[in-house]
C-alpha atoms as a PDB file:
ATOM      1  CA  MET A   1      91.940 128.351 103.882  1.00  0.00           C
ATOM      2  CA  ALA A   2      88.554 130.159 104.950  1.00  0.00           C
ATOM      3  CA  PRO A   3      87.041 132.303 102.540  1.00  0.00           C
ATOM      4  CA  SER A   4      87.180 136.140 103.699  1.00  0.00           C
ATOM      5  CA  LYS A   5      84.279 138.309 104.974  1.00  0.00           C
ATOM      6  CA  LYS A   6      84.032 139.930 101.481  1.00  0.00           C
ATOM      7  CA  ASN A   7      84.353 137.102  99.456  1.00  0.00           C
ATOM      8  CA  GLU A   8      81.494 135.730 100.965  1.00  0.00           C
ATOM      9  CA  ASP A   9      79.368 139.082 100.511  1.00  0.00           C
ATOM     10  CA  GLU A  10      79.986 138.966  97.021  1.00  0.00           C
ATOM     11  CA  LEU A  11      79.097 135.450  96.662  1.00  0.00           C
ATOM     12  CA  GLU A  12      75.832 136.251  98.662  1.00  0.00           C
ATOM     13  CA  GLN A  13      75.136 139.166  96.253  1.00  0.00           C
ATOM     14  CA  THR A  14      75.873 137.333  93.167  1.00  0.00           C
ATOM     15  CA  GLU A  15      73.388 134.463  94.610  1.00  0.00           C
ATOM     16  CA  LYS A  16      70.842 137.032  94.940  1.00  0.00           C
ATOM     17  CA  VAL A  17      70.893 138.683  91.793  1.00  0.00           C
ATOM     18  CA  ALA A  18      70.791 135.326  90.038  1.00  0.00           C
ATOM     19  CA  SER A  19      67.736 134.015  91.750  1.00  0.00           C
ATOM     20  CA  THR A  20      65.691 137.541  91.049  1.00  0.00           C
ATOM     21  CA  SER A  21      66.894 137.851  87.281  1.00  0.00           C
ATOM     22  CA  THR A  22      64.133 137.208  84.873  1.00  0.00           C
ATOM     23  CA  SER A  23      66.134 133.852  83.398  1.00  0.00           C
ATOM     24  CA  ALA A  24      65.685 132.317  86.656  1.00  0.00           C
ATOM     25  CA  GLY A  25      62.217 130.800  85.734  1.00  0.00           C
ATOM     26  CA  ARG A  26      63.784 129.452  82.423  1.00  0.00           C
ATOM     27  CA  ARG A  27      66.213 127.360  84.517  1.00  0.00           C
ATOM     28  CA  SER A  28      63.534 126.000  87.011  1.00  0.00           C
ATOM     29  CA  GLY A  29      63.091 122.257  86.671  1.00  0.00           C
ATOM     30  CA  ASP A  30      59.258 122.841  86.831  1.00  0.00           C
ATOM     31  CA  PRO A  31      58.265 122.705  83.211  1.00  0.00           C
ATOM     32  CA  ARG A  32      54.953 124.830  83.808  1.00  0.00           C
ATOM     33  CA  ARG A  33      57.247 127.698  85.378  1.00  0.00           C
ATOM     34  CA  ARG A  34      59.531 127.371  82.373  1.00  0.00           C
ATOM     35  CA  ALA A  35      56.691 127.585  79.966  1.00  0.00           C
ATOM     36  CA  GLU A  36      55.325 130.776  81.612  1.00  0.00           C
ATOM     37  CA  ALA A  37      58.701 132.455  81.908  1.00  0.00           C
ATOM     38  CA  GLU A  38      59.429 131.854  78.005  1.00  0.00           C
ATOM     39  CA  ALA A  39      55.666 133.050  77.199  1.00  0.00           C
ATOM     40  CA  GLU A  40      56.545 136.163  79.076  1.00  0.00           C
ATOM     41  CA  ALA A  41      59.782 136.538  77.384  1.00  0.00           C
ATOM     42  CA  ASP A  42      58.330 136.169  74.051  1.00  0.00           C
ATOM     43  CA  LYS A  43      55.375 138.637  74.490  1.00  0.00           C
ATOM     44  CA  PRO A  44      56.061 141.649  71.794  1.00  0.00           C
ATOM     45  CA  VAL A  45      56.604 144.930  73.936  1.00  0.00           C
ATOM     46  CA  LYS A  46      54.238 147.484  72.865  1.00  0.00           C
ATOM     47  CA  ALA A  47      55.701 150.925  71.928  1.00  0.00           C
ATOM     48  CA  LYS A  48      53.961 153.887  72.945  1.00  0.00           C
ATOM     49  CA  ARG A  49      53.015 155.670  69.471  1.00  0.00           C
ATOM     50  CA  GLU A  50      53.556 159.506  69.449  1.00  0.00           C
ATOM     51  CA  LYS A  51      51.889 161.489  66.759  1.00  0.00           C
ATOM     52  CA  VAL A  52      54.504 163.305  64.973  1.00  0.00           C
ATOM     53  CA  LYS A  53      53.225 166.569  63.074  1.00  0.00           C
ATOM     54  CA  ALA A  54      53.897 166.111  59.342  1.00  0.00           C
ATOM     55  CA  GLN A  55      55.934 168.497  57.812  1.00  0.00           C
ATOM     56  CA  LYS A  56      54.871 170.711  55.104  1.00  0.00           C
ATOM     57  CA  ILE A  57      56.472 169.897  51.597  1.00  0.00           C
ATOM     58  CA  GLY A  58      56.300 172.024  48.758  1.00  0.00           C
ATOM     59  CA  ASN A  59      55.821 176.012  47.554  1.00  0.00           C
ATOM     60  CA  PRO A  60      54.044 178.381  49.517  1.00  0.00           C
ATOM     61  CA  SER A  61      50.084 178.780  48.678  1.00  0.00           C
ATOM     62  CA  TRP A  62      50.616 181.803  46.531  1.00  0.00           C
ATOM     63  CA  TYR A  63      53.092 180.385  44.348  1.00  0.00           C
ATOM     64  CA  VAL A  64      51.167 178.436  41.554  1.00  0.00           C
ATOM     65  CA  PRO A  65      48.689 181.267  41.130  1.00  0.00           C
ATOM     66  CA  VAL A  66      51.824 183.845  40.437  1.00  0.00           C
ATOM     67  CA  MET A  67      53.249 181.042  38.264  1.00  0.00           C
ATOM     68  CA  LEU A  68      50.228 180.864  36.199  1.00  0.00           C
ATOM     69  CA  GLY A  69      49.246 184.380  36.333  1.00  0.00           C
ATOM     70  CA  LEU A  70      52.677 185.549  34.848  1.00  0.00           C
ATOM     71  CA  MET A  71      52.242 182.907  31.929  1.00  0.00           C
ATOM     72  CA  ILE A  72      48.743 184.057  31.470  1.00  0.00           C
ATOM     73  CA  LEU A  73      49.471 187.915  31.444  1.00  0.00           C
ATOM     74  CA  GLY A  74      52.305 187.120  29.044  1.00  0.00           C
ATOM     75  CA  LEU A  75      50.226 185.494  26.543  1.00  0.00           C
ATOM     76  CA  ILE A  76      47.635 188.107  26.788  1.00  0.00           C
ATOM     77  CA  TRP A  77      50.332 190.821  26.575  1.00  0.00           C
ATOM     78  CA  VAL A  78      51.538 189.157  22.939  1.00  0.00           C
ATOM     79  CA  VAL A  79      48.010 188.430  21.796  1.00  0.00           C
ATOM     80  CA  THR A  80      47.034 192.088  22.551  1.00  0.00           C
ATOM     81  CA  PHE A  81      50.142 193.435  20.839  1.00  0.00           C
ATOM     82  CA  TYR A  82      49.376 191.511  17.615  1.00  0.00           C
ATOM     83  CA  ILE A  83      45.282 191.829  17.444  1.00  0.00           C
ATOM     84  CA  THR A  84      45.974 195.712  17.983  1.00  0.00           C
ATOM     85  CA  GLN A  85      48.248 195.991  15.266  1.00  0.00           C
ATOM     86  CA  GLN A  86      51.130 197.041  17.255  1.00  0.00           C
ATOM     87  CA  GLU A  87      49.466 200.010  19.194  1.00  0.00           C
ATOM     88  CA  TYR A  88      48.817 198.483  22.724  1.00  0.00           C
ATOM     89  CA  PRO A  89      49.600 197.430  25.389  1.00  0.00           C
ATOM     90  CA  VAL A  90      52.535 200.426  25.154  1.00  0.00           C
ATOM     91  CA  ALA A  91      52.746 202.078  22.009  1.00  0.00           C
ATOM     92  CA  ALA A  92      55.931 203.704  22.725  1.00  0.00           C
ATOM     93  CA  TRP A  93      57.695 200.442  23.131  1.00  0.00           C
ATOM     94  CA  GLY A  94      57.347 199.034  19.742  1.00  0.00           C
ATOM     95  CA  GLN A  95      58.426 195.533  19.092  1.00  0.00           C
ATOM     96  CA  TRP A  96      59.696 195.692  22.920  1.00  0.00           C
ATOM     97  CA  ASN A  97      56.256 194.708  23.674  1.00  0.00           C
ATOM     98  CA  LEU A  98      57.077 191.249  22.406  1.00  0.00           C
ATOM     99  CA  GLY A  99      60.156 191.361  24.560  1.00  0.00           C
ATOM    100  CA  ALA A 100      57.945 192.204  27.707  1.00  0.00           C
ATOM    101  CA  GLY A 101      55.358 189.405  26.881  1.00  0.00           C
ATOM    102  CA  PHE A 102      57.834 186.802  26.420  1.00  0.00           C
ATOM    103  CA  ALA A 103      59.935 188.028  29.385  1.00  0.00           C
ATOM    104  CA  LEU A 104      56.414 187.439  31.586  1.00  0.00           C
ATOM    105  CA  MET A 105      56.000 184.122  30.038  1.00  0.00           C
ATOM    106  CA  MET A 106      59.488 182.707  30.671  1.00  0.00           C
ATOM    107  CA  ALA A 107      59.222 184.096  34.313  1.00  0.00           C
ATOM    108  CA  GLY A 108      56.125 181.758  34.825  1.00  0.00           C
ATOM    109  CA  PHE A 109      58.209 178.884  33.091  1.00  0.00           C
ATOM    110  CA  VAL A 110      61.187 179.344  35.299  1.00  0.00           C
ATOM    111  CA  MET A 111      58.787 179.229  38.274  1.00  0.00           C
ATOM    112  CA  THR A 112      57.801 175.944  36.969  1.00  0.00           C
ATOM    113  CA  THR A 113      61.112 174.444  37.643  1.00  0.00           C
ATOM    114  CA  ARG A 114      60.710 175.012  41.587  1.00  0.00           C
ATOM    115  CA  TRP A 115      57.332 173.804  41.789  1.00  0.00           C
ATOM    116  CA  LYS A 116      56.756 171.112  43.937  1.00  0.00           C
END
């Protein structure tokens, strides 16, 4: 039986693809062409490097000054209360001035747990 026209066309197309593929040089009987094809295949492909903007990790710029400010303000509040013999910062609060001073310091210390 003679091959049909459709089978002949498919055969021609596969021969064209095989002859134009990159591996065709490796199958060559010519050692020089084979070596060139292998060298071409072994070359590293240079990928285009794109600059990626770094993400900002950490706290806002105001975080550390507020944290330190609360701790120092609480310390000054308690020291002022003891030095002035319980008359300042707020005389009407009495011993609650210690609570206010320690609350300020504790707020600063709590902020340290979130500091990055």
